PDB file of N, CA and C in Angstrom:
ATOM      1  N   MET A   1     -18.966   9.723 -20.394  1.00  0.00           N
ATOM      2  CA  MET A   1     -19.432  10.066 -19.075  1.00  0.00           C
ATOM      3  C   MET A   1     -20.603   9.196 -18.643  1.00  0.00           C
ATOM      4  N   GLU A   2     -21.264   8.547 -19.600  1.00  0.00           N
ATOM      5  CA  GLU A   2     -22.374   7.678 -19.232  1.00  0.00           C
ATOM      6  C   GLU A   2     -21.869   6.478 -18.440  1.00  0.00           C
ATOM      7  N   THR A   3     -20.689   5.989 -18.769  1.00  0.00           N
ATOM      8  CA  THR A   3     -20.123   4.849 -18.058  1.00  0.00           C
ATOM      9  C   THR A   3     -19.825   5.214 -16.617  1.00  0.00           C
ATOM     10  N   LEU A   4     -19.272   6.399 -16.400  1.00  0.00           N
ATOM     11  CA  LEU A   4     -18.960   6.852 -15.051  1.00  0.00           C
ATOM     12  C   LEU A   4     -20.215   6.995 -14.213  1.00  0.00           C
ATOM     13  N   SER A   5     -21.262   7.551 -14.757  1.00  0.00           N
ATOM     14  CA  SER A   5     -22.509   7.699 -14.003  1.00  0.00           C
ATOM     15  C   SER A   5     -23.166   6.343 -13.764  1.00  0.00           C
ATOM     16  N   ALA A   6     -22.999   5.411 -14.700  1.00  0.00           N
ATOM     17  CA  ALA A   6     -23.539   4.063 -14.496  1.00  0.00           C
ATOM     18  C   ALA A   6     -22.804   3.357 -13.360  1.00  0.00           C
ATOM     19  N   LEU A   7     -21.495   3.510 -13.300  1.00  0.00           N
ATOM     20  CA  LEU A   7     -20.723   2.909 -12.209  1.00  0.00           C
ATOM     21  C   LEU A   7     -21.074   3.539 -10.873  1.00  0.00           C
ATOM     22  N   GLN A   8     -21.265   4.852 -10.852  1.00  0.00           N
ATOM     23  CA  GLN A   8     -21.638   5.527  -9.618  1.00  0.00           C
ATOM     24  C   GLN A   8     -23.024   5.110  -9.155  1.00  0.00           C
ATOM     25  N   SER A   9     -23.928   4.826 -10.071  1.00  0.00           N
ATOM     26  CA  SER A   9     -25.259   4.371  -9.679  1.00  0.00           C
ATOM     27  C   SER A   9     -25.205   2.970  -9.067  1.00  0.00           C
ATOM     28  N   LEU A  10     -24.176   2.191  -9.407  1.00  0.00           N
ATOM     29  CA  LEU A  10     -23.981   0.873  -8.807  1.00  0.00           C
ATOM     30  C   LEU A  10     -23.261   0.940  -7.467  1.00  0.00           C
ATOM     31  N   GLY A  11     -22.823   2.150  -7.073  1.00  0.00           N
ATOM     32  CA  GLY A  11     -22.134   2.317  -5.801  1.00  0.00           C
ATOM     33  C   GLY A  11     -20.623   2.233  -5.919  1.00  0.00           C
ATOM     34  N   LEU A  12     -20.087   2.218  -7.127  1.00  0.00           N
ATOM     35  CA  LEU A  12     -18.648   2.160  -7.334  1.00  0.00           C
ATOM     36  C   LEU A  12     -18.110   3.560  -7.569  1.00  0.00           C
ATOM     37  N   GLU A  13     -16.989   3.869  -6.926  1.00  0.00           N
ATOM     38  CA  GLU A  13     -16.373   5.179  -7.091  1.00  0.00           C
ATOM     39  C   GLU A  13     -14.906   5.012  -7.436  1.00  0.00           C
ATOM     40  N   LEU A  14     -14.387   5.944  -8.192  1.00  0.00           N
ATOM     41  CA  LEU A  14     -12.968   5.943  -8.496  1.00  0.00           C
ATOM     42  C   LEU A  14     -12.191   6.439  -7.284  1.00  0.00           C
ATOM     43  N   PRO A  15     -10.986   5.918  -7.054  1.00  0.00           N
ATOM     44  CA  PRO A  15     -10.197   6.393  -5.917  1.00  0.00           C
ATOM     45  C   PRO A  15      -9.712   7.820  -6.141  1.00  0.00           C
ATOM     46  N   SER A  16      -9.477   8.513  -5.034  1.00  0.00           N
ATOM     47  CA  SER A  16      -9.002   9.893  -5.126  1.00  0.00           C
ATOM     48  C   SER A  16      -7.524   9.910  -5.531  1.00  0.00           C
ATOM     49  N   PRO A  17      -7.053  11.046  -6.031  1.00  0.00           N
ATOM     50  CA  PRO A  17      -5.631  11.151  -6.363  1.00  0.00           C
ATOM     51  C   PRO A  17      -4.717  10.918  -5.153  1.00  0.00           C
ATOM     52  N   ALA A  18      -5.167  11.316  -3.957  1.00  0.00           N
ATOM     53  CA  ALA A  18      -4.369  11.081  -2.750  1.00  0.00           C
ATOM     54  C   ALA A  18      -4.254   9.590  -2.462  1.00  0.00           C
ATOM     55  N   TYR A  19      -5.312   8.840  -2.707  1.00  0.00           N
ATOM     56  CA  TYR A  19      -5.280   7.389  -2.502  1.00  0.00           C
ATOM     57  C   TYR A  19      -4.327   6.730  -3.498  1.00  0.00           C
ATOM     58  N   ILE A  20      -4.408   7.134  -4.750  1.00  0.00           N
ATOM     59  CA  ILE A  20      -3.539   6.557  -5.779  1.00  0.00           C
ATOM     60  C   ILE A  20      -2.075   6.866  -5.478  1.00  0.00           C
ATOM     61  N   ALA A  21      -1.792   8.095  -5.065  1.00  0.00           N
ATOM     62  CA  ALA A  21      -0.413   8.474  -4.727  1.00  0.00           C
ATOM     63  C   ALA A  21       0.094   7.668  -3.535  1.00  0.00           C
ATOM     64  N   GLY A  22      -0.743   7.477  -2.531  1.00  0.00           N
ATOM     65  CA  GLY A  22      -0.340   6.687  -1.368  1.00  0.00           C
ATOM     66  C   GLY A  22      -0.108   5.236  -1.717  1.00  0.00           C
ATOM     67  N   ALA A  23      -0.962   4.671  -2.554  1.00  0.00           N
ATOM     68  CA  ALA A  23      -0.803   3.276  -2.955  1.00  0.00           C
ATOM     69  C   ALA A  23       0.496   3.080  -3.737  1.00  0.00           C
ATOM     70  N   ILE A  24       0.817   4.024  -4.602  1.00  0.00           N
ATOM     71  CA  ILE A  24       2.070   3.937  -5.360  1.00  0.00           C
ATOM     72  C   ILE A  24       3.263   4.111  -4.428  1.00  0.00           C
ATOM     73  N   LEU A  25       3.209   5.086  -3.534  1.00  0.00           N
ATOM     74  CA  LEU A  25       4.301   5.340  -2.602  1.00  0.00           C
ATOM     75  C   LEU A  25       4.593   4.120  -1.730  1.00  0.00           C
ATOM     76  N   PHE A  26       3.562   3.577  -1.089  1.00  0.00           N
ATOM     77  CA  PHE A  26       3.771   2.440  -0.204  1.00  0.00           C
ATOM     78  C   PHE A  26       4.127   1.180  -1.000  1.00  0.00           C
ATOM     79  N   GLY A  27       3.639   1.070  -2.217  1.00  0.00           N
ATOM     80  CA  GLY A  27       4.014  -0.058  -3.056  1.00  0.00           C
ATOM     81  C   GLY A  27       5.485  -0.044  -3.433  1.00  0.00           C
ATOM     82  N   VAL A  28       6.009   1.136  -3.763  1.00  0.00           N
ATOM     83  CA  VAL A  28       7.425   1.258  -4.108  1.00  0.00           C
ATOM     84  C   VAL A  28       8.301   0.995  -2.890  1.00  0.00           C
ATOM     85  N   ILE A  29       7.914   1.517  -1.733  1.00  0.00           N
ATOM     86  CA  ILE A  29       8.661   1.250  -0.504  1.00  0.00           C
ATOM     87  C   ILE A  29       8.633  -0.246  -0.202  1.00  0.00           C
ATOM     88  N   GLY A  30       7.475  -0.869  -0.371  1.00  0.00           N
ATOM     89  CA  GLY A  30       7.355  -2.304  -0.133  1.00  0.00           C
ATOM     90  C   GLY A  30       8.197  -3.122  -1.095  1.00  0.00           C
ATOM     91  N   MET A  31       8.245  -2.717  -2.344  1.00  0.00           N
ATOM     92  CA  MET A  31       9.051  -3.444  -3.326  1.00  0.00           C
ATOM     93  C   MET A  31      10.540  -3.358  -2.969  1.00  0.00           C
ATOM     94  N   ALA A  32      10.991  -2.165  -2.571  1.00  0.00           N
ATOM     95  CA  ALA A  32      12.396  -1.997  -2.179  1.00  0.00           C
ATOM     96  C   ALA A  32      12.702  -2.826  -0.929  1.00  0.00           C
ATOM     97  N   ALA A  33      11.795  -2.849   0.030  1.00  0.00           N
ATOM     98  CA  ALA A  33      12.009  -3.630   1.255  1.00  0.00           C
ATOM     99  C   ALA A  33      12.025  -5.122   0.948  1.00  0.00           C
ATOM    100  N   TYR A  34      11.152  -5.561   0.062  1.00  0.00           N
ATOM    101  CA  TYR A  34      11.132  -6.979  -0.314  1.00  0.00           C
ATOM    102  C   TYR A  34      12.436  -7.384  -0.985  1.00  0.00           C
ATOM    103  N   TRP A  35      12.879  -6.596  -1.960  1.00  0.00           N
ATOM    104  CA  TRP A  35      14.123  -6.919  -2.665  1.00  0.00           C
ATOM    105  C   TRP A  35      15.310  -6.946  -1.703  1.00  0.00           C
ATOM    106  N   HIS A  36      15.355  -5.946  -0.800  1.00  0.00           N
ATOM    107  CA  HIS A  36      16.473  -5.898   0.142  1.00  0.00           C
ATOM    108  C   HIS A  36      16.407  -7.071   1.120  1.00  0.00           C
ATOM    109  N   GLY A  37      15.215  -7.400   1.597  1.00  0.00           N
ATOM    110  CA  GLY A  37      15.060  -8.535   2.493  1.00  0.00           C
ATOM    111  C   GLY A  37      15.394  -9.854   1.827  1.00  0.00           C
ATOM    112  N   LYS A  38      15.063  -9.979   0.572  1.00  0.00           N
ATOM    113  CA  LYS A  38      15.384 -11.201  -0.171  1.00  0.00           C
ATOM    114  C   LYS A  38      16.893 -11.326  -0.378  1.00  0.00           C
ATOM    115  N   ARG A  39      17.522 -10.211  -0.719  1.00  0.00           N
ATOM    116  CA  ARG A  39      18.955 -10.223  -0.970  1.00  0.00           C
ATOM    117  C   ARG A  39      19.757 -10.512   0.299  1.00  0.00           C
ATOM    118  N   THR A  40      19.307  -9.994   1.441  1.00  0.00           N
ATOM    119  CA  THR A  40      20.040 -10.165   2.695  1.00  0.00           C
ATOM    120  C   THR A  40      19.510 -11.317   3.546  1.00  0.00           C
ATOM    121  N   GLN A  41      18.527 -12.070   3.013  1.00  0.00           N
ATOM    122  CA  GLN A  41      17.950 -13.232   3.711  1.00  0.00           C
ATOM    123  C   GLN A  41      17.318 -12.859   5.055  1.00  0.00           C
ATOM    124  N   GLN A  42      16.583 -11.745   5.089  1.00  0.00           N
ATOM    125  CA  GLN A  42      15.887 -11.310   6.299  1.00  0.00           C
ATOM    126  C   GLN A  42      14.389 -11.432   6.066  1.00  0.00           C
ATOM    127  N   ARG A  43      13.792 -12.435   6.724  1.00  0.00           N
ATOM    128  CA  ARG A  43      12.384 -12.747   6.487  1.00  0.00           C
ATOM    129  C   ARG A  43      11.439 -11.645   6.937  1.00  0.00           C
ATOM    130  N   GLY A  44      11.729 -10.995   8.069  1.00  0.00           N
ATOM    131  CA  GLY A  44      10.850  -9.944   8.568  1.00  0.00           C
ATOM    132  C   GLY A  44      10.730  -8.783   7.611  1.00  0.00           C
ATOM    133  N   ARG A  45      11.859  -8.361   7.085  1.00  0.00           N
ATOM    134  CA  ARG A  45      11.862  -7.250   6.134  1.00  0.00           C
ATOM    135  C   ARG A  45      11.145  -7.640   4.846  1.00  0.00           C
ATOM    136  N   ARG A  46      11.348  -8.879   4.434  1.00  0.00           N
ATOM    137  CA  ARG A  46      10.709  -9.356   3.204  1.00  0.00           C
ATOM    138  C   ARG A  46       9.185  -9.395   3.362  1.00  0.00           C
ATOM    139  N   TRP A  47       8.684  -9.890   4.495  1.00  0.00           N
ATOM    140  CA  TRP A  47       7.234  -9.970   4.689  1.00  0.00           C
ATOM    141  C   TRP A  47       6.599  -8.600   4.902  1.00  0.00           C
ATOM    142  N   LEU A  48       7.329  -7.681   5.540  1.00  0.00           N
ATOM    143  CA  LEU A  48       6.807  -6.317   5.646  1.00  0.00           C
ATOM    144  C   LEU A  48       6.717  -5.672   4.266  1.00  0.00           C
ATOM    145  N   GLY A  49       7.673  -5.974   3.409  1.00  0.00           N
ATOM    146  CA  GLY A  49       7.620  -5.473   2.034  1.00  0.00           C
ATOM    147  C   GLY A  49       6.415  -6.018   1.284  1.00  0.00           C
ATOM    148  N   VAL A  50       6.136  -7.302   1.461  1.00  0.00           N
ATOM    149  CA  VAL A  50       4.962  -7.906   0.822  1.00  0.00           C
ATOM    150  C   VAL A  50       3.685  -7.242   1.332  1.00  0.00           C
ATOM    151  N   ALA A  51       3.623  -7.026   2.643  1.00  0.00           N
ATOM    152  CA  ALA A  51       2.440  -6.383   3.223  1.00  0.00           C
ATOM    153  C   ALA A  51       2.264  -4.967   2.670  1.00  0.00           C
ATOM    154  N   LEU A  52       3.355  -4.221   2.564  1.00  0.00           N
ATOM    155  CA  LEU A  52       3.263  -2.863   2.025  1.00  0.00           C
ATOM    156  C   LEU A  52       2.821  -2.852   0.564  1.00  0.00           C
ATOM    157  N   MET A  53       3.217  -3.851  -0.190  1.00  0.00           N
ATOM    158  CA  MET A  53       2.830  -3.881  -1.603  1.00  0.00           C
ATOM    159  C   MET A  53       1.358  -4.232  -1.803  1.00  0.00           C
ATOM    160  N   PHE A  54       0.812  -5.108  -0.950  1.00  0.00           N
ATOM    161  CA  PHE A  54      -0.504  -5.655  -1.257  1.00  0.00           C
ATOM    162  C   PHE A  54      -1.655  -5.169  -0.368  1.00  0.00           C
ATOM    163  N   TYR A  55      -1.379  -4.494   0.756  1.00  0.00           N
ATOM    164  CA  TYR A  55      -2.502  -4.085   1.600  1.00  0.00           C
ATOM    165  C   TYR A  55      -3.396  -3.024   0.958  1.00  0.00           C
ATOM    166  N   PRO A  56      -2.933  -2.166   0.037  1.00  0.00           N
ATOM    167  CA  PRO A  56      -3.861  -1.206  -0.567  1.00  0.00           C
ATOM    168  C   PRO A  56      -5.035  -1.855  -1.291  1.00  0.00           C
ATOM    169  N   TYR A  57      -4.904  -3.115  -1.690  1.00  0.00           N
ATOM    170  CA  TYR A  57      -6.020  -3.794  -2.347  1.00  0.00           C
ATOM    171  C   TYR A  57      -7.136  -4.131  -1.367  1.00  0.00           C
ATOM    172  N   ALA A  58      -6.834  -4.172  -0.076  1.00  0.00           N
ATOM    173  CA  ALA A  58      -7.822  -4.534   0.931  1.00  0.00           C
ATOM    174  C   ALA A  58      -8.407  -3.316   1.645  1.00  0.00           C
ATOM    175  N   VAL A  59      -7.862  -2.134   1.408  1.00  0.00           N
ATOM    176  CA  VAL A  59      -8.273  -0.916   2.106  1.00  0.00           C
ATOM    177  C   VAL A  59      -8.933   0.018   1.100  1.00  0.00           C
ATOM    178  N   SER A  60     -10.072   0.584   1.476  1.00  0.00           N
ATOM    179  CA  SER A  60     -10.771   1.454   0.532  1.00  0.00           C
ATOM    180  C   SER A  60     -10.774   2.926   0.927  1.00  0.00           C
ATOM    181  N   GLN A  61     -10.475   3.235   2.166  1.00  0.00           N
ATOM    182  CA  GLN A  61     -10.495   4.632   2.601  1.00  0.00           C
ATOM    183  C   GLN A  61      -9.081   5.189   2.639  1.00  0.00           C
ATOM    184  N   THR A  62      -8.936   6.443   2.234  1.00  0.00           N
ATOM    185  CA  THR A  62      -7.622   7.058   2.116  1.00  0.00           C
ATOM    186  C   THR A  62      -6.929   7.187   3.465  1.00  0.00           C
ATOM    187  N   TRP A  63      -7.659   7.594   4.497  1.00  0.00           N
ATOM    188  CA  TRP A  63      -7.018   7.779   5.797  1.00  0.00           C
ATOM    189  C   TRP A  63      -6.552   6.447   6.377  1.00  0.00           C
ATOM    190  N   VAL A  64      -7.267   5.369   6.103  1.00  0.00           N
ATOM    191  CA  VAL A  64      -6.843   4.043   6.566  1.00  0.00           C
ATOM    192  C   VAL A  64      -5.601   3.605   5.796  1.00  0.00           C
ATOM    193  N   LEU A  65      -5.551   3.912   4.504  1.00  0.00           N
ATOM    194  CA  LEU A  65      -4.382   3.590   3.687  1.00  0.00           C
ATOM    195  C   LEU A  65      -3.130   4.225   4.277  1.00  0.00           C
ATOM    196  N   TYR A  66      -3.205   5.521   4.611  1.00  0.00           N
ATOM    197  CA  TYR A  66      -2.041   6.212   5.150  1.00  0.00           C
ATOM    198  C   TYR A  66      -1.724   5.760   6.575  1.00  0.00           C
ATOM    199  N   LEU A  67      -2.727   5.446   7.373  1.00  0.00           N
ATOM    200  CA  LEU A  67      -2.488   4.976   8.738  1.00  0.00           C
ATOM    201  C   LEU A  67      -1.772   3.625   8.728  1.00  0.00           C
ATOM    202  N   VAL A  68      -2.297   2.669   7.977  1.00  0.00           N
ATOM    203  CA  VAL A  68      -1.692   1.342   7.914  1.00  0.00           C
ATOM    204  C   VAL A  68      -0.313   1.419   7.260  1.00  0.00           C
ATOM    205  N   GLY A  69      -0.168   2.213   6.223  1.00  0.00           N
ATOM    206  CA  GLY A  69       1.126   2.376   5.566  1.00  0.00           C
ATOM    207  C   GLY A  69       2.173   2.961   6.490  1.00  0.00           C
ATOM    208  N   THR A  70       1.778   3.935   7.290  1.00  0.00           N
ATOM    209  CA  THR A  70       2.706   4.531   8.245  1.00  0.00           C
ATOM    210  C   THR A  70       3.116   3.522   9.310  1.00  0.00           C
ATOM    211  N   VAL A  71       2.164   2.732   9.789  1.00  0.00           N
ATOM    212  CA  VAL A  71       2.473   1.710  10.795  1.00  0.00           C
ATOM    213  C   VAL A  71       3.407   0.646  10.211  1.00  0.00           C
ATOM    214  N   LEU A  72       3.143   0.201   8.999  1.00  0.00           N
ATOM    215  CA  LEU A  72       4.020  -0.791   8.375  1.00  0.00           C
ATOM    216  C   LEU A  72       5.411  -0.217   8.089  1.00  0.00           C
ATOM    217  N   CYS A  73       5.489   1.039   7.691  1.00  0.00           N
ATOM    218  CA  CYS A  73       6.797   1.662   7.486  1.00  0.00           C
ATOM    219  C   CYS A  73       7.547   1.822   8.802  1.00  0.00           C
ATOM    220  N   ALA A  74       6.826   2.118   9.886  1.00  0.00           N
ATOM    221  CA  ALA A  74       7.466   2.177  11.203  1.00  0.00           C
ATOM    222  C   ALA A  74       7.982   0.799  11.605  1.00  0.00           C
ATOM    223  N   GLY A  75       7.222  -0.253  11.313  1.00  0.00           N
ATOM    224  CA  GLY A  75       7.695  -1.608  11.582  1.00  0.00           C
ATOM    225  C   GLY A  75       8.910  -1.940  10.749  1.00  0.00           C
ATOM    226  N   LEU A  76       8.949  -1.483   9.527  1.00  0.00           N
ATOM    227  CA  LEU A  76      10.109  -1.701   8.665  1.00  0.00           C
ATOM    228  C   LEU A  76      11.323  -0.962   9.219  1.00  0.00           C
ATOM    229  N   TRP A  77      11.105   0.263   9.671  1.00  0.00           N
ATOM    230  CA  TRP A  77      12.189   1.043  10.268  1.00  0.00           C
ATOM    231  C   TRP A  77      12.698   0.369  11.533  1.00  0.00           C
ATOM    232  N   TRP A  78      11.783  -0.156  12.337  1.00  0.00           N
ATOM    233  CA  TRP A  78      12.155  -0.860  13.567  1.00  0.00           C
ATOM    234  C   TRP A  78      12.957  -2.126  13.228  1.00  0.00           C
ATOM    235  N   GLU A  79      12.547  -2.824  12.190  1.00  0.00           N
ATOM    236  CA  GLU A  79      13.235  -4.041  11.753  1.00  0.00           C
ATOM    237  C   GLU A  79      14.624  -3.696  11.206  1.00  0.00           C
ATOM    238  N   TRP A  80      14.743  -2.551  10.572  1.00  0.00           N
ATOM    239  CA  TRP A  80      15.993  -2.140   9.950  1.00  0.00           C
ATOM    240  C   TRP A  80      17.066  -1.847  11.012  1.00  0.00           C
ATOM    241  N   GLY A  81      16.636  -1.317  12.146  1.00  0.00           N
ATOM    242  CA  GLY A  81      17.591  -0.882  13.183  1.00  0.00           C
ATOM    243  C   GLY A  81      18.145  -1.921  14.049  1.00  0.00           C
TER     244      GLY A  81
END
């Protein structure tokens, strides 16, 4: 527990379980979209998949993670139709 308190004193915090679940969810959706886009030679779907897989590394707040993930999934749905 000393390590955890030392990290917190430096301003670092562990992500919440909701953040981890969202990052995994959007990462799996992104991986499936990338594979499908690669297989069908559709660049838009492939790049949306890449964005879904990697944007959680740039976002630190849970509500922003879900907002951006929902928007990217809506773009994927729009691209799919």
